Amino acid sequence: MSALNLIYKDRITFGIELPLDRDWSEAGQRRARIEGRPFGVPDTSNPAKGVKLAENLGFDAVWLRDAPVHDPSLGDAGQVFDPFPYLGFLAGHTRRIALGTADIVLPLRDPILLAKMTASLHHLSGGRFILGIASGDRPVEYPLMGLDYEARGAALRDRVDQIRTLWSGDALQGPKGPVTVRPYVPEGIPVVMAGMGQQSLQWIARTVDGWFTYPGPPDQAERRLSMWRQARNDAGLPSAPVLTAMHLDLDPDPDAPFRPIQFGGRIGRNALTNHVRSLHAAGVAHIAFNLRQSQREIEDVLAELAEHVIPEFTEQNKKETTL
């Protein structure tokens, strides 16, 4: 079974994006200063706790981002740990939740090592791994590694072809004969594109298995997702999931309306339910919540989402299937 089946269902599914720390909120920044952490470096003292809680509460996926270096001018060290060993660690602490990378910067990764790491993670997680890829938008990383930032689009296309070839078990020519990269994944690993990756929508639609994007408000999402469906249809391919992320500051007032924040909104659970319903109607298959700007404790937000928002969609689906 493809790991995409864990998040691409006949209902909208829900994920969390690490780090599970509200370190971008005022309270979180105060806590970080007390603990001696610079802005953008989250608390990593209990790296499995929040993910295990999310799985127990019924969330479908956890997503990690690729931040090779911490640039203080951006204030974002991601989840600090490299995505691949961290996901391997989480695979050993969870049972069913999908394990995904939101945006591995593919051109920065050696294709042989990348193929081996991803195939290993696929097998060790029981097939729960989803490879989200990107070309990267931080120019500082490329010169540090002696790579051409402007060539990242072409490099990404090459990497996709290379790792799929290596997953299949095709041989490389070594100095003393053919060699292969093990373990193999002949069926492949699901690949989703985060953003555009310096590619055309047509290339994305015919090459990868899903699209991770910010679709915007529901009316904008409908236009954007209509273009995605058309591009898949033009390529002669079946429908494929569109995934999105949302920075969420869940208001304690259930009836609080949507107020924009960077990459998302401050919103009560009732308006959030309506917002998610509109995105799903536009064609969004999965939404991952990022809680770094949350004014409330992470555990409280996850519990409220699990009690009041997620059941609105799982229960609705149960009712529809019994009609």
Protein backbone atom coordinates (compact mmCIF):
# COMPACT_ATOMS: atom_id res chain seq x y z
CA MET A 1 0.00 0.00 0.00
CA SER A 2 1.30 3.47 -0.89
CA ALA A 3 1.89 5.83 2.01
CA LEU A 4 -0.32 8.31 0.18
CA ASN A 5 -3.28 6.09 1.09
CA LEU A 6 -2.73 7.18 4.68
CA ILE A 7 -3.60 10.77 3.82
CA TYR A 8 -5.51 10.55 0.50
CA LYS A 9 -8.89 9.18 1.49
CA ASP A 10 -12.56 9.86 0.79
CA ARG A 11 -12.41 12.61 3.42
CA ILE A 12 -10.01 15.43 4.17
CA THR A 13 -7.15 14.32 6.41
CA PHE A 14 -5.14 16.25 8.98
CA GLY A 15 -1.48 16.50 9.83
CA ILE A 16 0.92 18.47 11.99
CA GLU A 17 4.07 20.22 10.90
CA LEU A 18 7.05 20.12 13.22
CA PRO A 19 8.36 21.63 15.40
CA LEU A 20 5.57 21.26 17.92
CA ASP A 21 6.66 24.34 19.82
CA ARG A 22 4.92 27.72 19.88
CA ASP A 23 8.31 29.41 19.76
CA TRP A 24 7.15 32.17 17.39
CA SER A 25 4.49 33.41 19.84
CA GLU A 26 5.25 36.06 22.45
CA ALA A 27 5.06 33.52 25.27
CA GLY A 28 7.21 31.09 23.33
CA GLN A 29 9.85 33.72 22.68
CA ARG A 30 9.97 34.60 26.38
CA ARG A 31 10.46 30.94 27.23
CA ALA A 32 13.20 30.59 24.62
CA ARG A 33 15.08 33.60 26.04
CA ILE A 34 14.91 32.11 29.53
CA GLU A 35 16.27 28.81 28.16
CA GLY A 36 18.97 30.56 26.14
CA ARG A 37 17.62 29.65 22.71
CA PRO A 38 17.85 32.21 19.88
CA PHE A 39 14.75 33.13 17.91
CA GLY A 40 13.73 30.36 15.53
CA VAL A 41 15.36 27.52 17.49
CA PRO A 42 12.54 25.45 19.04
CA ASP A 43 12.57 23.28 22.14
CA THR A 44 13.84 19.80 21.19
CA SER A 45 13.97 18.29 24.67
CA ASN A 46 11.21 15.73 24.08
CA PRO A 47 11.28 14.98 20.33
CA ALA A 48 8.66 12.20 20.26
CA LYS A 49 6.11 13.40 22.81
CA GLY A 50 4.00 15.67 20.62
CA VAL A 51 4.01 13.30 17.65
CA LYS A 52 2.87 10.37 19.79
CA LEU A 53 0.11 12.57 21.21
CA ALA A 54 -0.99 13.61 17.71
CA GLU A 55 -1.13 9.98 16.58
CA ASN A 56 -3.16 8.98 19.63
CA LEU A 57 -5.57 11.86 18.96
CA GLY A 58 -6.21 10.72 15.39
CA PHE A 59 -4.02 12.95 13.24
CA ASP A 60 -3.02 11.32 9.97
CA ALA A 61 0.49 12.64 9.26
CA VAL A 62 3.52 14.44 10.63
CA TRP A 63 5.66 16.64 8.36
CA LEU A 64 9.28 17.77 8.74
CA ARG A 65 11.07 20.53 6.88
CA ASP A 66 14.59 20.79 5.51
CA ALA A 67 16.69 23.57 7.07
CA PRO A 68 20.36 22.60 6.55
CA VAL A 69 21.68 25.72 8.28
CA HIS A 70 20.21 28.15 10.79
CA ASP A 71 20.22 31.64 9.32
CA PRO A 72 19.43 34.10 12.16
CA SER A 73 18.21 36.67 9.64
CA LEU A 74 15.36 34.28 8.79
CA GLY A 75 14.77 33.12 12.35
CA ASP A 76 13.95 29.57 11.38
CA ALA A 77 15.96 26.46 12.25
CA GLY A 78 13.09 24.18 11.26
CA GLN A 79 12.78 21.32 13.72
CA VAL A 80 16.61 21.46 14.27
CA PHE A 81 17.15 17.73 13.67
CA ASP A 82 17.82 16.52 10.13
CA PRO A 83 14.57 15.12 8.72
CA PHE A 84 15.80 11.62 7.88
CA PRO A 85 17.24 10.43 11.21
CA TYR A 86 14.42 12.25 12.99
CA LEU A 87 11.78 10.42 10.95
CA GLY A 88 13.58 7.14 11.58
CA PHE A 89 13.42 7.92 15.31
CA LEU A 90 9.72 8.77 15.05
CA ALA A 91 9.02 5.61 13.08
CA GLY A 92 10.16 3.65 16.11
CA HIS A 93 7.84 5.60 18.43
CA THR A 94 4.68 5.48 16.31
CA ARG A 95 2.55 2.82 14.61
CA ARG A 96 0.25 4.23 11.96
CA ILE A 97 0.82 7.95 11.33
CA ALA A 98 2.28 8.91 7.92
CA LEU A 99 5.82 10.30 8.06
CA GLY A 100 6.52 12.99 5.51
CA THR A 101 9.08 15.58 4.51
CA ALA A 102 7.42 18.83 3.56
CA ASP A 103 10.35 20.10 1.52
CA ILE A 104 13.64 18.21 1.24
CA VAL A 105 15.86 20.55 -0.78
CA LEU A 106 16.65 17.96 -3.41
CA PRO A 107 19.53 19.68 -5.25
CA LEU A 108 21.53 19.88 -2.00
CA ARG A 109 21.41 16.10 -1.47
CA ASP A 110 23.65 13.52 -3.10
CA PRO A 111 21.33 11.22 -5.10
CA ILE A 112 22.98 7.94 -4.04
CA LEU A 113 22.85 8.80 -0.34
CA LEU A 114 19.35 10.23 -0.74
CA ALA A 115 18.09 7.07 -2.45
CA LYS A 116 19.57 4.90 0.30
CA MET A 117 18.21 7.04 3.16
CA THR A 118 14.70 7.27 1.73
CA ALA A 119 14.51 3.58 0.83
CA SER A 120 15.76 2.67 4.31
CA LEU A 121 13.15 4.90 5.92
CA HIS A 122 10.44 3.42 3.71
CA HIS A 123 11.23 -0.12 4.85
CA LEU A 124 11.90 0.68 8.52
CA SER A 125 8.63 2.63 8.86
CA GLY A 126 6.51 -0.10 7.31
CA GLY A 127 5.82 1.92 4.16
CA ARG A 128 4.64 5.09 5.94
CA PHE A 129 7.12 7.50 4.35
CA ILE A 130 6.22 10.28 1.88
CA LEU A 131 9.03 12.23 0.21
CA GLY A 132 8.14 15.90 -0.14
CA ILE A 133 10.68 17.76 -2.27
CA ALA A 134 11.61 21.36 -3.11
CA SER A 135 14.32 23.35 -4.83
CA GLY A 136 14.97 25.62 -1.84
CA ASP A 137 14.50 29.37 -1.53
CA ARG A 138 17.44 30.25 0.73
CA PRO A 139 20.36 31.41 -1.41
CA VAL A 140 22.81 31.12 1.50
CA GLU A 141 22.76 27.30 1.41
CA TYR A 142 23.97 26.82 -2.16
CA PRO A 143 27.30 28.71 -2.05
CA LEU A 144 28.10 27.09 1.31
CA MET A 145 27.95 23.74 -0.48
CA GLY A 146 29.67 24.94 -3.63
CA LEU A 147 26.50 24.62 -5.73
CA ASP A 148 24.85 26.91 -8.26
CA TYR A 149 21.65 28.44 -6.88
CA GLU A 150 20.43 29.42 -10.34
CA ALA A 151 20.73 25.82 -11.59
CA ARG A 152 18.56 24.34 -8.85
CA GLY A 153 15.52 23.77 -11.06
CA ALA A 154 17.39 21.55 -13.51
CA ALA A 155 19.18 19.82 -10.63
CA LEU A 156 15.84 18.96 -9.00
CA ARG A 157 14.58 17.31 -12.21
CA ASP A 158 17.77 15.27 -12.46
CA ARG A 159 17.55 14.17 -8.82
CA VAL A 160 13.99 12.89 -9.22
CA ASP A 161 15.03 10.74 -12.17
CA GLN A 162 18.16 9.52 -10.40
CA ILE A 163 16.58 8.43 -7.14
CA ARG A 164 13.71 6.65 -8.89
CA THR A 165 16.24 4.75 -10.99
CA LEU A 166 18.19 3.80 -7.87
CA TRP A 167 15.05 2.74 -5.96
CA SER A 168 14.26 0.32 -8.79
CA GLY A 169 17.58 -1.50 -8.33
CA ASP A 170 19.14 -0.41 -11.63
CA ALA A 171 22.89 -0.74 -11.51
CA LEU A 172 25.53 1.96 -11.50
CA GLN A 173 28.84 1.31 -13.20
CA GLY A 174 31.61 1.10 -10.62
CA PRO A 175 35.36 0.84 -11.37
CA LYS A 176 35.18 -2.95 -11.09
CA GLY A 177 31.73 -3.52 -12.50
CA PRO A 178 28.07 -2.78 -11.75
CA VAL A 179 26.94 -1.80 -8.25
CA THR A 180 23.49 -1.14 -6.78
CA VAL A 181 22.05 0.90 -3.95
CA ARG A 182 20.14 -1.21 -1.43
CA PRO A 183 17.48 -1.54 -0.14
CA TYR A 184 15.34 -1.47 -3.26
CA VAL A 185 11.83 -0.04 -3.52
CA PRO A 186 10.65 -1.34 -6.92
CA GLU A 187 7.18 0.13 -6.42
CA GLY A 188 8.71 3.51 -5.66
CA ILE A 189 8.08 5.94 -2.82
CA PRO A 190 5.37 8.62 -3.05
CA VAL A 191 6.86 11.96 -4.10
CA VAL A 192 5.06 15.28 -3.58
CA MET A 193 6.28 18.68 -4.71
CA ALA A 194 6.31 21.51 -2.17
CA GLY A 195 5.56 24.72 -4.04
CA MET A 196 6.68 25.04 -7.64
CA GLY A 197 10.33 24.01 -7.28
CA GLN A 198 11.30 26.16 -10.31
CA GLN A 199 9.13 23.89 -12.48
CA SER A 200 6.05 24.28 -14.62
CA LEU A 201 2.75 23.02 -13.26
CA GLN A 202 2.63 20.64 -16.22
CA TRP A 203 5.96 19.02 -15.23
CA ILE A 204 4.82 18.71 -11.63
CA ALA A 205 1.49 17.17 -12.63
CA ARG A 206 3.01 14.51 -14.86
CA THR A 207 6.04 13.71 -12.66
CA VAL A 208 5.08 13.58 -8.99
CA ASP A 209 2.30 11.97 -6.97
CA GLY A 210 0.91 15.03 -5.22
CA TRP A 211 1.30 18.79 -4.76
CA PHE A 212 1.99 20.52 -1.43
CA THR A 213 1.03 24.17 -1.84
CA TYR A 214 -0.56 27.18 -0.18
CA PRO A 215 -3.84 27.41 -2.10
CA GLY A 216 -4.97 30.69 -0.50
CA PRO A 217 -8.59 31.56 0.34
CA PRO A 218 -11.30 29.16 -0.89
CA ASP A 219 -12.06 31.11 -4.10
CA GLN A 220 -8.36 31.29 -4.97
CA ALA A 221 -7.96 27.64 -4.00
CA GLU A 222 -10.69 26.62 -6.42
CA ARG A 223 -8.93 28.35 -9.33
CA ARG A 224 -5.54 26.94 -8.36
CA LEU A 225 -6.79 23.40 -7.88
CA SER A 226 -8.78 23.53 -11.09
CA MET A 227 -5.50 24.21 -12.91
CA TRP A 228 -3.94 21.22 -11.13
CA ARG A 229 -6.78 18.90 -12.13
CA GLN A 230 -6.54 20.11 -15.72
CA ALA A 231 -2.79 19.56 -15.81
CA ARG A 232 -3.22 16.00 -14.53
CA ASN A 233 -5.96 15.37 -17.06
CA ASP A 234 -3.84 16.76 -19.91
CA ALA A 235 -1.08 14.34 -18.87
CA GLY A 236 -3.52 11.44 -19.06
CA LEU A 237 -3.19 10.78 -15.33
CA PRO A 238 -5.79 10.17 -12.61
CA SER A 239 -6.49 12.64 -9.85
CA ALA A 240 -3.74 13.20 -7.31
CA PRO A 241 -3.84 14.89 -3.90
CA VAL A 242 -3.28 18.55 -3.20
CA LEU A 243 -1.93 19.13 0.30
CA THR A 244 -1.61 22.40 2.15
CA ALA A 245 -0.18 23.80 5.37
CA MET A 246 -1.70 26.43 7.64
CA HIS A 247 -0.15 28.34 10.51
CA LEU A 248 -2.84 28.16 13.16
CA ASP A 249 -3.42 30.21 16.30
CA LEU A 250 -6.59 28.58 17.62
CA ASP A 251 -8.64 31.17 19.46
CA PRO A 252 -10.13 29.96 22.78
CA ASP A 253 -13.43 31.52 21.69
CA PRO A 254 -15.05 28.85 19.47
CA ASP A 255 -16.92 31.52 17.52
CA ALA A 256 -13.97 33.85 16.86
CA PRO A 257 -13.76 34.83 13.16
CA PHE A 258 -10.69 34.45 10.96
CA ARG A 259 -7.95 37.05 11.47
CA PRO A 260 -4.89 36.74 9.23
CA ILE A 261 -1.44 35.99 10.58
CA GLN A 262 1.65 35.15 8.56
CA PHE A 263 0.95 31.97 6.53
CA GLY A 264 -2.40 31.39 8.24
CA GLY A 265 -4.82 32.79 10.76
CA ARG A 266 -6.03 33.25 14.30
CA ILE A 267 -9.46 31.63 14.33
CA GLY A 268 -12.01 29.86 16.53
CA ARG A 269 -12.83 26.23 15.96
CA ASN A 270 -16.23 26.83 14.37
CA ALA A 271 -14.88 29.20 11.73
CA LEU A 272 -11.92 26.87 11.25
CA THR A 273 -14.28 23.97 10.55
CA ASN A 274 -16.05 26.05 7.91
CA HIS A 275 -12.70 27.13 6.44
CA VAL A 276 -11.50 23.53 6.19
CA ARG A 277 -14.83 22.50 4.68
CA SER A 278 -14.43 25.18 1.98
CA LEU A 279 -10.88 24.08 1.18
CA HIS A 280 -12.01 20.46 0.94
CA ALA A 281 -14.83 21.46 -1.40
CA ALA A 282 -12.22 23.16 -3.58
CA GLY A 283 -10.26 19.91 -3.72
CA VAL A 284 -7.71 20.06 -0.89
CA ALA A 285 -7.09 16.51 0.36
CA HIS A 286 -4.89 17.14 3.39
CA ILE A 287 -4.13 20.05 5.68
CA ALA A 288 -1.12 20.23 8.00
CA PHE A 289 -1.30 22.60 10.95
CA ASN A 290 1.78 24.54 12.02
CA LEU A 291 1.43 25.79 15.60
CA ARG A 292 4.57 27.90 16.01
CA GLN A 293 2.49 31.10 16.32
CA SER A 294 0.01 29.59 18.78
CA GLN A 295 -0.73 31.62 21.89
CA ARG A 296 -2.10 28.52 23.59
CA GLU A 297 -0.27 25.42 24.76
CA ILE A 298 0.27 22.88 21.98
CA GLU A 299 -1.38 20.00 23.87
CA ASP A 300 -4.56 22.04 24.40
CA VAL A 301 -4.79 22.99 20.72
CA LEU A 302 -4.25 19.42 19.50
CA ALA A 303 -6.88 18.14 21.94
CA GLU A 304 -9.45 20.72 20.82
CA LEU A 305 -8.83 19.99 17.15
CA ALA A 306 -9.18 16.27 17.82
CA GLU A 307 -12.38 16.68 19.83
CA HIS A 308 -14.21 19.32 17.81
CA VAL A 309 -12.75 19.75 14.30
CA ILE A 310 -11.51 16.40 13.01
CA PRO A 311 -14.73 14.52 13.97
CA GLU A 312 -16.76 16.97 11.86
CA PHE A 313 -15.18 15.32 8.82
CA THR A 314 -14.78 11.73 9.95
CA GLU A 315 -18.35 11.59 11.26
CA GLN A 316 -19.70 13.34 8.15
CA ASN A 317 -17.99 10.71 6.00
CA LYS A 318 -19.49 7.88 8.09
CA LYS A 319 -22.99 9.38 7.66
CA GLU A 320 -22.54 9.76 3.90
CA THR A 321 -21.33 6.19 3.44
CA THR A 322 -24.33 4.78 5.31
CA LEU A 323 -26.94 6.69 3.29
